[in-house]
C-alpha atoms as a PDB file:
ATOM      1  CA  MET A   1     103.677-110.913 -16.130  1.00  0.00           C
ATOM      2  CA  SER A   2     100.393-112.410 -15.098  1.00  0.00           C
ATOM      3  CA  GLU A   3      99.518-113.394 -10.801  1.00  0.00           C
ATOM      4  CA  GLN A   4      99.656-116.710 -11.918  1.00  0.00           C
ATOM      5  CA  SER A   5     103.338-116.175 -13.184  1.00  0.00           C
ATOM      6  CA  GLU A   6     104.491-113.916 -10.476  1.00  0.00           C
ATOM      7  CA  ARG A   7     103.281-116.255  -7.804  1.00  0.00           C
ATOM      8  CA  LEU A   8     104.718-119.031  -9.157  1.00  0.00           C
ATOM      9  CA  VAL A   9     107.230-121.159  -6.733  1.00  0.00           C
ATOM     10  CA  VAL A  10     108.452-124.373  -8.417  1.00  0.00           C
ATOM     11  CA  PRO A  11     111.608-126.145  -6.959  1.00  0.00           C
ATOM     12  CA  GLU A  12     114.705-126.505  -8.472  1.00  0.00           C
ATOM     13  CA  ALA A  13     113.821-130.273  -8.894  1.00  0.00           C
ATOM     14  CA  LEU A  14     110.969-129.972 -10.667  1.00  0.00           C
ATOM     15  CA  ARG A  15     112.417-126.994 -12.906  1.00  0.00           C
ATOM     16  CA  THR A  16     113.214-129.256 -16.312  1.00  0.00           C
ATOM     17  CA  GLU A  17     111.926-129.239 -19.572  1.00  0.00           C
ATOM     18  CA  ALA A  18     109.113-131.543 -19.167  1.00  0.00           C
ATOM     19  CA  PHE A  19     107.886-129.190 -16.159  1.00  0.00           C
ATOM     20  CA  GLU A  20     108.307-126.418 -18.734  1.00  0.00           C
ATOM     21  CA  ILE A  21     106.223-128.549 -21.523  1.00  0.00           C
ATOM     22  CA  LEU A  22     103.744-129.282 -19.193  1.00  0.00           C
ATOM     23  CA  HIS A  23     103.513-125.294 -17.952  1.00  0.00           C
ATOM     24  CA  ALA A  24     102.888-124.952 -21.558  1.00  0.00           C
ATOM     25  CA  ILE A  25     100.258-127.396 -22.158  1.00  0.00           C
ATOM     26  CA  THR A  26      98.049-126.724 -18.957  1.00  0.00           C
ATOM     27  CA  ASN A  27      97.932-122.851 -19.984  1.00  0.00           C
ATOM     28  CA  GLY A  28      95.991-124.399 -23.242  1.00  0.00           C
ATOM     29  CA  THR A  29      93.877-126.885 -21.620  1.00  0.00           C
ATOM     30  CA  ARG A  30      90.147-125.961 -20.108  1.00  0.00           C
ATOM     31  CA  ASP A  31      91.193-128.675 -17.491  1.00  0.00           C
ATOM     32  CA  GLY A  32      91.991-127.314 -13.889  1.00  0.00           C
ATOM     33  CA  VAL A  33      95.314-128.199 -12.766  1.00  0.00           C
ATOM     34  CA  ALA A  34      96.934-127.259  -9.356  1.00  0.00           C
ATOM     35  CA  ILE A  35     100.259-128.752  -8.009  1.00  0.00           C
ATOM     36  CA  LEU A  36     100.794-129.012  -4.409  1.00  0.00           C
ATOM     37  CA  GLY A  37     104.188-129.414  -2.459  1.00  0.00           C
ATOM     38  CA  PRO A  38     105.307-131.666  -0.216  1.00  0.00           C
ATOM     39  CA  THR A  39     103.399-129.842   2.613  1.00  0.00           C
ATOM     40  CA  GLY A  40     100.146-129.220   1.166  1.00  0.00           C
ATOM     41  CA  ASP A  41     101.570-125.309  -0.209  1.00  0.00           C
ATOM     42  CA  LEU A  42     100.071-124.412  -4.128  1.00  0.00           C
ATOM     43  CA  LEU A  43     103.039-124.278  -5.859  1.00  0.00           C
ATOM     44  CA  PHE A  44     100.841-124.138  -9.313  1.00  0.00           C
ATOM     45  CA  TRP A  45      97.691-123.038 -10.327  1.00  0.00           C
ATOM     46  CA  ASN A  46      96.588-122.925 -14.263  1.00  0.00           C
ATOM     47  CA  ALA A  47      94.322-120.409 -15.863  1.00  0.00           C
ATOM     48  CA  ALA A  48      91.768-122.859 -16.059  1.00  0.00           C
ATOM     49  CA  ALA A  49      91.962-124.093 -12.653  1.00  0.00           C
ATOM     50  CA  ALA A  50      91.035-119.771 -12.149  1.00  0.00           C
ATOM     51  CA  THR A  51      88.506-119.720 -14.887  1.00  0.00           C
ATOM     52  CA  ILE A  52      86.369-122.570 -12.805  1.00  0.00           C
ATOM     53  CA  THR A  53      86.977-122.342  -9.389  1.00  0.00           C
ATOM     54  CA  GLY A  54      86.634-118.159  -9.587  1.00  0.00           C
ATOM     55  CA  TRP A  55      90.016-118.317  -7.575  1.00  0.00           C
ATOM     56  CA  SER A  56      92.540-116.239  -8.244  1.00  0.00           C
ATOM     57  CA  PHE A  57      96.402-118.024  -7.060  1.00  0.00           C
ATOM     58  CA  ALA A  58      96.721-116.202  -3.695  1.00  0.00           C
ATOM     59  CA  ASP A  59      92.993-117.091  -3.100  1.00  0.00           C
ATOM     60  CA  ALA A  60      93.643-121.014  -3.691  1.00  0.00           C
ATOM     61  CA  ALA A  61      96.867-120.681  -1.986  1.00  0.00           C
ATOM     62  CA  SER A  62      95.038-119.460   1.129  1.00  0.00           C
ATOM     63  CA  ARG A  63      92.835-122.836   1.447  1.00  0.00           C
ATOM     64  CA  ASN A  64      93.426-126.210   2.089  1.00  0.00           C
ATOM     65  CA  LEU A  65      93.661-127.601  -1.217  1.00  0.00           C
ATOM     66  CA  SER A  66      94.818-130.856   0.269  1.00  0.00           C
ATOM     67  CA  ASP A  67      91.219-132.310   1.704  1.00  0.00           C
ATOM     68  CA  LEU A  68      90.299-131.007  -1.676  1.00  0.00           C
ATOM     69  CA  VAL A  69      92.409-133.914  -3.302  1.00  0.00           C
ATOM     70  CA  LYS A  70      91.385-136.331  -0.837  1.00  0.00           C
ATOM     71  CA  SER A  71      87.842-136.299  -2.506  1.00  0.00           C
ATOM     72  CA  SER A  72      89.729-137.337  -5.541  1.00  0.00           C
ATOM     73  CA  GLY A  73      87.433-139.405  -7.833  1.00  0.00           C
ATOM     74  CA  ALA A  74      83.997-137.831  -7.000  1.00  0.00           C
ATOM     75  CA  LEU A  75      81.311-134.850  -7.507  1.00  0.00           C
ATOM     76  CA  THR A  76      82.622-132.135  -4.789  1.00  0.00           C
ATOM     77  CA  GLN A  77      80.887-128.620  -4.381  1.00  0.00           C
ATOM     78  CA  ILE A  78      83.297-126.203  -3.990  1.00  0.00           C
ATOM     79  CA  ARG A  79      81.030-123.477  -3.019  1.00  0.00           C
ATOM     80  CA  GLU A  80      76.833-122.696  -3.642  1.00  0.00           C
ATOM     81  CA  GLY A  81      76.050-124.184  -7.170  1.00  0.00           C
ATOM     82  CA  LYS A  82      79.761-124.956  -8.281  1.00  0.00           C
ATOM     83  CA  TRP A  83      80.836-128.481  -8.492  1.00  0.00           C
ATOM     84  CA  VAL A  84      83.968-130.436  -9.625  1.00  0.00           C
ATOM     85  CA  GLU A  85      85.263-133.602 -10.456  1.00  0.00           C
ATOM     86  CA  LEU A  86      89.129-133.875  -9.305  1.00  0.00           C
ATOM     87  CA  ARG A  87      92.125-136.899 -10.072  1.00  0.00           C
ATOM     88  CA  HIS A  88      95.180-136.261  -8.794  1.00  0.00           C
ATOM     89  CA  SER A  89      98.593-138.368  -8.968  1.00  0.00           C
ATOM     90  CA  SER A  90     101.751-138.010  -7.405  1.00  0.00           C
ATOM     91  CA  ILE A  91     105.229-136.996  -8.792  1.00  0.00           C
ATOM     92  CA  GLN A  92     108.303-137.765  -7.208  1.00  0.00           C
ATOM     93  CA  ALA A  93     111.260-135.245  -7.056  1.00  0.00           C
ATOM     94  CA  ASP A  94     113.759-134.104  -5.235  1.00  0.00           C
ATOM     95  CA  ARG A  95     113.268-137.245  -3.062  1.00  0.00           C
ATOM     96  CA  ALA A  96     109.667-135.114  -1.674  1.00  0.00           C
ATOM     97  CA  ALA A  97     106.378-136.213  -3.128  1.00  0.00           C
ATOM     98  CA  PHE A  98     104.630-133.143  -5.082  1.00  0.00           C
ATOM     99  CA  THR A  99     101.216-133.542  -5.945  1.00  0.00           C
ATOM    100  CA  LEU A 100      99.502-132.975  -9.287  1.00  0.00           C
ATOM    101  CA  ALA A 101      95.465-132.439  -9.207  1.00  0.00           C
ATOM    102  CA  LEU A 102      93.471-132.031 -12.175  1.00  0.00           C
ATOM    103  CA  PHE A 103      89.779-131.293 -12.116  1.00  0.00           C
ATOM    104  CA  THR A 104      87.191-130.147 -14.640  1.00  0.00           C
ATOM    105  CA  ASP A 105      83.607-128.031 -13.903  1.00  0.00           C
ATOM    106  CA  SER A 106      80.761-130.747 -13.843  1.00  0.00           C
ATOM    107  CA  THR A 107      78.118-128.034 -12.876  1.00  0.00           C
ATOM    108  CA  PRO A 108      76.599-127.762 -16.785  1.00  0.00           C
ATOM    109  CA  GLN A 109      76.328-131.537 -16.836  1.00  0.00           C
ATOM    110  CA  LEU A 110      74.790-131.799 -12.687  1.00  0.00           C
ATOM    111  CA  ARG A 111      72.633-128.706 -13.672  1.00  0.00           C
ATOM    112  CA  LEU A 112      71.609-130.977 -17.323  1.00  0.00           C
ATOM    113  CA  ARG A 113      70.599-133.868 -15.075  1.00  0.00           C
ATOM    114  CA  ASP A 114      68.797-132.385 -12.904  1.00  0.00           C
ATOM    115  CA  THR A 115      66.937-130.499 -15.510  1.00  0.00           C
ATOM    116  CA  ARG A 116      66.021-133.991 -17.313  1.00  0.00           C
ATOM    117  CA  GLU A 117      65.067-135.458 -14.034  1.00  0.00           C
ATOM    118  CA  GLN A 118      62.342-132.562 -13.765  1.00  0.00           C
ATOM    119  CA  PHE A 119      61.419-133.359 -17.212  1.00  0.00           C
ATOM    120  CA  ARG A 120      60.747-137.081 -16.421  1.00  0.00           C
ATOM    121  CA  ALA A 121      58.999-136.398 -13.472  1.00  0.00           C
ATOM    122  CA  LEU A 122      56.580-133.998 -15.074  1.00  0.00           C
ATOM    123  CA  GLY A 123      56.328-136.268 -18.142  1.00  0.00           C
ATOM    124  CA  LEU A 124      58.084-134.149 -20.556  1.00  0.00           C
ATOM    125  CA  ILE A 125      61.119-137.165 -21.188  1.00  0.00           C
ATOM    126  CA  ASP A 126      60.336-140.233 -21.783  1.00  0.00           C
ATOM    127  CA  ARG A 127      62.119-142.495 -19.091  1.00  0.00           C
ATOM    128  CA  SER A 128      62.092-145.704 -21.410  1.00  0.00           C
ATOM    129  CA  THR A 129      64.493-143.973 -24.108  1.00  0.00           C
ATOM    130  CA  ASN A 130      65.142-140.889 -22.743  1.00  0.00           C
ATOM    131  CA  LEU A 131      64.287-139.180 -25.516  1.00  0.00           C
ATOM    132  CA  PRO A 132      62.317-135.605 -25.652  1.00  0.00           C
ATOM    133  CA  GLY A 133      58.453-136.961 -24.758  1.00  0.00           C
ATOM    134  CA  ARG A 134      55.802-135.550 -27.266  1.00  0.00           C
ATOM    135  CA  GLU A 135      54.846-131.852 -25.559  1.00  0.00           C
ATOM    136  CA  LEU A 136      58.816-131.187 -25.759  1.00  0.00           C
ATOM    137  CA  ALA A 137      58.567-132.489 -29.738  1.00  0.00           C
ATOM    138  CA  MET A 138      55.965-129.668 -30.047  1.00  0.00           C
ATOM    139  CA  VAL A 139      57.200-127.032 -28.452  1.00  0.00           C
ATOM    140  CA  HIS A 140      60.445-128.191 -30.873  1.00  0.00           C
ATOM    141  CA  ILE A 141      58.846-128.014 -34.034  1.00  0.00           C
ATOM    142  CA  GLU A 142      56.995-124.374 -33.326  1.00  0.00           C
ATOM    143  CA  HIS A 143      60.506-122.998 -32.482  1.00  0.00           C
ATOM    144  CA  ALA A 144      62.013-125.053 -35.909  1.00  0.00           C
ATOM    145  CA  ILE A 145      59.091-123.598 -38.110  1.00  0.00           C
ATOM    146  CA  ALA A 146      59.685-119.975 -36.236  1.00  0.00           C
ATOM    147  CA  LEU A 147      63.246-120.254 -37.307  1.00  0.00           C
ATOM    148  CA  ALA A 148      62.749-121.464 -40.710  1.00  0.00           C
ATOM    149  CA  LYS A 149      60.578-118.667 -41.166  1.00  0.00           C
ATOM    150  CA  ARG A 150      63.014-116.206 -40.825  1.00  0.00           C
ATOM    151  CA  ASP A 151      65.904-117.536 -42.819  1.00  0.00           C
ATOM    152  CA  LYS A 152      63.494-118.850 -45.690  1.00  0.00           C
ATOM    153  CA  ARG A 153      64.463-122.539 -45.026  1.00  0.00           C
ATOM    154  CA  SER A 154      62.161-125.600 -44.795  1.00  0.00           C
ATOM    155  CA  VAL A 155      61.580-127.800 -41.408  1.00  0.00           C
ATOM    156  CA  GLY A 156      60.352-131.555 -41.970  1.00  0.00           C
ATOM    157  CA  VAL A 157      59.170-133.705 -39.791  1.00  0.00           C
ATOM    158  CA  LEU A 158      58.899-137.527 -40.053  1.00  0.00           C
ATOM    159  CA  CYS A 159      56.840-140.122 -38.359  1.00  0.00           C
ATOM    160  CA  LEU A 160      58.363-143.522 -37.254  1.00  0.00           C
ATOM    161  CA  LYS A 161      55.808-146.289 -36.694  1.00  0.00           C
ATOM    162  CA  LEU A 162      56.797-149.711 -35.763  1.00  0.00           C
ATOM    163  CA  ASP A 163      55.480-152.647 -37.986  1.00  0.00           C
ATOM    164  CA  ARG A 164      54.408-155.395 -35.803  1.00  0.00           C
ATOM    165  CA  PHE A 165      55.308-153.589 -32.360  1.00  0.00           C
ATOM    166  CA  ARG A 166      52.357-155.290 -30.848  1.00  0.00           C
ATOM    167  CA  GLU A 167      54.138-159.191 -32.047  1.00  0.00           C
ATOM    168  CA  LEU A 168      57.126-157.903 -30.906  1.00  0.00           C
ATOM    169  CA  ARG A 169      55.666-156.834 -27.336  1.00  0.00           C
ATOM    170  CA  ASP A 170      53.405-160.481 -27.031  1.00  0.00           C
ATOM    171  CA  THR A 171      56.465-162.600 -27.916  1.00  0.00           C
ATOM    172  CA  ALA A 172      59.229-160.915 -25.765  1.00  0.00           C
ATOM    173  CA  ASP A 173      59.356-160.298 -21.804  1.00  0.00           C
ATOM    174  CA  ARG A 174      59.223-156.001 -20.478  1.00  0.00           C
ATOM    175  CA  GLU A 175      62.533-155.911 -20.544  1.00  0.00           C
ATOM    176  CA  THR A 176      64.184-157.136 -23.769  1.00  0.00           C
ATOM    177  CA  VAL A 177      60.925-154.334 -25.620  1.00  0.00           C
ATOM    178  CA  ASP A 178      62.189-151.850 -23.343  1.00  0.00           C
ATOM    179  CA  GLU A 179      65.861-152.469 -24.579  1.00  0.00           C
ATOM    180  CA  THR A 180      64.940-152.926 -27.860  1.00  0.00           C
ATOM    181  CA  LEU A 181      63.456-149.368 -27.859  1.00  0.00           C
ATOM    182  CA  ARG A 182      66.422-147.701 -25.959  1.00  0.00           C
ATOM    183  CA  GLN A 183      69.079-149.464 -28.530  1.00  0.00           C
ATOM    184  CA  LEU A 184      66.266-147.990 -31.104  1.00  0.00           C
ATOM    185  CA  ALA A 185      66.118-144.522 -29.797  1.00  0.00           C
ATOM    186  CA  LYS A 186      70.126-144.808 -29.453  1.00  0.00           C
ATOM    187  CA  ARG A 187      70.789-145.114 -33.318  1.00  0.00           C
ATOM    188  CA  LEU A 188      67.983-142.916 -33.873  1.00  0.00           C
ATOM    189  CA  SER A 189      69.879-139.990 -31.715  1.00  0.00           C
ATOM    190  CA  ALA A 190      72.779-141.005 -33.386  1.00  0.00           C
ATOM    191  CA  PHE A 191      71.966-141.039 -37.121  1.00  0.00           C
ATOM    192  CA  VAL A 192      70.835-137.670 -37.277  1.00  0.00           C
ATOM    193  CA  ARG A 193      72.339-134.271 -36.704  1.00  0.00           C
ATOM    194  CA  ALA A 194      72.925-132.182 -33.598  1.00  0.00           C
ATOM    195  CA  SER A 195      69.990-129.780 -34.635  1.00  0.00           C
ATOM    196  CA  ASP A 196      67.858-132.153 -35.354  1.00  0.00           C
ATOM    197  CA  VAL A 197      65.230-133.705 -32.742  1.00  0.00           C
ATOM    198  CA  PRO A 198      63.962-136.925 -31.836  1.00  0.00           C
ATOM    199  CA  ALA A 199      61.289-137.887 -29.201  1.00  0.00           C
ATOM    200  CA  ARG A 200      59.508-140.571 -28.760  1.00  0.00           C
ATOM    201  CA  MET A 201      55.637-140.082 -29.534  1.00  0.00           C
ATOM    202  CA  SER A 202      53.755-142.972 -28.631  1.00  0.00           C
ATOM    203  CA  GLU A 203      54.611-146.693 -27.484  1.00  0.00           C
ATOM    204  CA  ASP A 204      55.155-147.821 -30.894  1.00  0.00           C
ATOM    205  CA  SER A 205      55.662-144.057 -32.610  1.00  0.00           C
ATOM    206  CA  PHE A 206      58.582-141.937 -32.760  1.00  0.00           C
ATOM    207  CA  LEU A 207      59.555-138.829 -34.784  1.00  0.00           C
ATOM    208  CA  VAL A 208      62.356-136.734 -35.569  1.00  0.00           C
ATOM    209  CA  VAL A 209      61.967-132.832 -36.065  1.00  0.00           C
ATOM    210  CA  LEU A 210      64.850-131.764 -38.886  1.00  0.00           C
ATOM    211  CA  THR A 211      65.582-128.602 -38.769  1.00  0.00           C
ATOM    212  CA  ALA A 212      66.729-125.952 -41.584  1.00  0.00           C
ATOM    213  CA  LEU A 213      66.507-127.986 -44.528  1.00  0.00           C
ATOM    214  CA  THR A 214      67.469-126.179 -47.822  1.00  0.00           C
ATOM    215  CA  SER A 215      65.539-128.388 -50.568  1.00  0.00           C
ATOM    216  CA  SER A 216      62.029-129.734 -51.146  1.00  0.00           C
ATOM    217  CA  ASN A 217      62.906-133.105 -50.859  1.00  0.00           C
ATOM    218  CA  ASP A 218      65.807-133.568 -47.951  1.00  0.00           C
ATOM    219  CA  ALA A 219      63.498-135.074 -45.917  1.00  0.00           C
ATOM    220  CA  ALA A 220      62.194-138.197 -48.077  1.00  0.00           C
ATOM    221  CA  VAL A 221      66.037-138.769 -48.972  1.00  0.00           C
ATOM    222  CA  VAL A 222      66.119-138.877 -44.914  1.00  0.00           C
ATOM    223  CA  ALA A 223      63.438-141.389 -44.558  1.00  0.00           C
ATOM    224  CA  VAL A 224      65.173-143.078 -46.711  1.00  0.00           C
ATOM    225  CA  ARG A 225      68.376-143.322 -44.911  1.00  0.00           C
ATOM    226  CA  LEU A 226      66.642-143.555 -41.677  1.00  0.00           C
ATOM    227  CA  LEU A 227      65.292-147.040 -42.640  1.00  0.00           C
ATOM    228  CA  LEU A 228      68.105-148.883 -44.044  1.00  0.00           C
ATOM    229  CA  ALA A 229      70.154-147.268 -40.546  1.00  0.00           C
ATOM    230  CA  LEU A 230      66.840-148.738 -38.376  1.00  0.00           C
ATOM    231  CA  ALA A 231      66.833-152.275 -40.638  1.00  0.00           C
ATOM    232  CA  GLU A 232      70.155-153.446 -38.923  1.00  0.00           C
ATOM    233  CA  PRO A 233      69.353-155.738 -36.256  1.00  0.00           C
ATOM    234  CA  PHE A 234      69.739-154.958 -32.499  1.00  0.00           C
ATOM    235  CA  ASP A 235      72.186-157.076 -30.596  1.00  0.00           C
ATOM    236  CA  VAL A 236      69.359-157.581 -27.121  1.00  0.00           C
ATOM    237  CA  VAL A 237      71.099-159.673 -24.254  1.00  0.00           C
ATOM    238  CA  GLY A 238      72.558-162.043 -27.059  1.00  0.00           C
ATOM    239  CA  HIS A 239      69.880-161.684 -29.156  1.00  0.00           C
ATOM    240  CA  LEU A 240      69.338-160.338 -32.836  1.00  0.00           C
ATOM    241  CA  ARG A 241      65.972-159.044 -33.169  1.00  0.00           C
ATOM    242  CA  THR A 242      64.423-156.698 -36.222  1.00  0.00           C
ATOM    243  CA  LEU A 243      62.265-153.707 -35.859  1.00  0.00           C
ATOM    244  CA  HIS A 244      60.979-152.829 -38.953  1.00  0.00           C
ATOM    245  CA  CYS A 245      58.910-149.644 -39.494  1.00  0.00           C
ATOM    246  CA  SER A 246      56.892-147.161 -41.560  1.00  0.00           C
ATOM    247  CA  ILE A 247      57.603-143.619 -42.236  1.00  0.00           C
ATOM    248  CA  GLY A 248      55.700-140.106 -42.793  1.00  0.00           C
ATOM    249  CA  VAL A 249      57.559-137.206 -44.350  1.00  0.00           C
ATOM    250  CA  ALA A 250      56.206-133.857 -43.866  1.00  0.00           C
ATOM    251  CA  GLU A 251      57.932-130.635 -44.783  1.00  0.00           C
ATOM    252  CA  SER A 252      56.860-127.120 -43.744  1.00  0.00           C
ATOM    253  CA  PRO A 253      55.593-124.517 -45.448  1.00  0.00           C
ATOM    254  CA  ARG A 254      54.815-127.232 -48.878  1.00  0.00           C
ATOM    255  CA  ASP A 255      52.744-129.365 -46.587  1.00  0.00           C
ATOM    256  CA  ALA A 256      51.353-127.421 -43.181  1.00  0.00           C
ATOM    257  CA  GLU A 257      52.340-124.338 -42.011  1.00  0.00           C
ATOM    258  CA  GLN A 258      51.835-124.496 -38.163  1.00  0.00           C
ATOM    259  CA  ALA A 259      53.276-127.235 -35.965  1.00  0.00           C
ATOM    260  CA  VAL A 260      49.673-129.102 -35.617  1.00  0.00           C
ATOM    261  CA  ALA A 261      48.669-129.638 -38.889  1.00  0.00           C
ATOM    262  CA  LEU A 262      52.245-130.750 -39.696  1.00  0.00           C
ATOM    263  CA  LEU A 263      52.385-133.266 -37.483  1.00  0.00           C
ATOM    264  CA  GLY A 264      48.780-134.507 -38.745  1.00  0.00           C
ATOM    265  CA  ALA A 265      50.357-134.463 -41.933  1.00  0.00           C
ATOM    266  CA  ALA A 266      53.311-136.487 -40.973  1.00  0.00           C
ATOM    267  CA  LEU A 267      51.099-139.359 -39.270  1.00  0.00           C
ATOM    268  CA  GLY A 268      48.719-139.731 -41.828  1.00  0.00           C
ATOM    269  CA  ALA A 269      51.430-140.305 -44.010  1.00  0.00           C
ATOM    270  CA  ALA A 270      53.101-142.666 -41.824  1.00  0.00           C
ATOM    271  CA  ASP A 271      49.460-144.666 -41.202  1.00  0.00           C
ATOM    272  CA  ARG A 272      49.545-144.792 -45.445  1.00  0.00           C
ATOM    273  CA  ALA A 273      52.869-146.109 -45.201  1.00  0.00           C
ATOM    274  CA  GLN A 274      51.687-149.479 -42.975  1.00  0.00           C
ATOM    275  CA  VAL A 275      48.627-149.952 -45.275  1.00  0.00           C
ATOM    276  CA  LEU A 276      50.586-150.265 -48.430  1.00  0.00           C
ATOM    277  CA  GLY A 277      52.452-153.129 -46.376  1.00  0.00           C
ATOM    278  CA  GLY A 278      55.123-151.198 -43.586  1.00  0.00           C
ATOM    279  CA  GLY A 279      59.096-150.992 -44.135  1.00  0.00           C
ATOM    280  CA  ARG A 280      58.424-147.584 -46.181  1.00  0.00           C
ATOM    281  CA  TYR A 281      57.897-143.713 -46.474  1.00  0.00           C
ATOM    282  CA  CYS A 282      54.861-142.546 -47.646  1.00  0.00           C
ATOM    283  CA  VAL A 283      54.989-137.847 -48.870  1.00  0.00           C
ATOM    284  CA  ALA A 284      52.301-136.137 -47.332  1.00  0.00           C
ATOM    285  CA  SER A 285      52.124-134.290 -49.927  1.00  0.00           C
ATOM    286  CA  ASP A 286      52.287-136.636 -52.830  1.00  0.00           C
ATOM    287  CA  PRO A 287      48.988-136.692 -54.415  1.00  0.00           C
ATOM    288  CA  GLU A 288      48.596-140.216 -55.924  1.00  0.00           C
ATOM    289  CA  GLY A 289      49.332-141.579 -52.537  1.00  0.00           C
ATOM    290  CA  ARG A 290      52.243-143.120 -53.693  1.00  0.00           C
ATOM    291  CA  ALA A 291      55.293-144.818 -51.166  1.00  0.00           C
ATOM    292  CA  GLU A 292      58.925-146.019 -51.566  1.00  0.00           C
ATOM    293  CA  ARG A 293      60.301-148.651 -49.500  1.00  0.00           C
END
């Protein structure tokens, strides 16, 4: 029998089928669960609670958890470098009030937030769209190429250049422009796979690093679908705005085997797509310079 089960003290009023179900469910959840008695004594402490806090039932029982519960709804540091978000509710039983406390480990999210803030301060993450900037994009391209060589697969790079962006910038205020670009970035992030990396290269250009492609035409297929996805209007402060873009497609090792050269091939193909009228994509290796809408 585990220490938790040995130390579990449950009032008769709580010994119901519902409580047994709760007991079974909480042992399979990632949320920490604790039940405090009317005087603040610890009655229940599930496995996730012990994992999150590092406290055994005995450790938790020796602490004043009632004070922790009072911080419900806020991020609370329970020890150096460990943060939890707590919620609680009351349970009435046997004419007494018991407290059900639920908490999650917020430490990874806070670390990620702090890291992102550091990257923003260094200019590595675009403040407007929250996407990686050019420097981080290059790191991702290099890393993706290295992994692709090991796995004998391909890497795709899509360069998106906004058509007639100057017209949007000249006819709309700064906040409208920024909100339109933020929505584009969100749609771009939602469209690609979790393993792919969207980035903002400059004021009017974006990049998508496509990792672990299985065939030589995969990147072009993604480009076609992306053109369709981004053609849908954006609702910006109650007004519909449309952004048209041109996409340059490059793949490694077909078009280049080094990150800088691969990015250059994608940028050149995007420029060619704009010269041909925009709203289309061009493939870097196409010898005839053809473009597809």
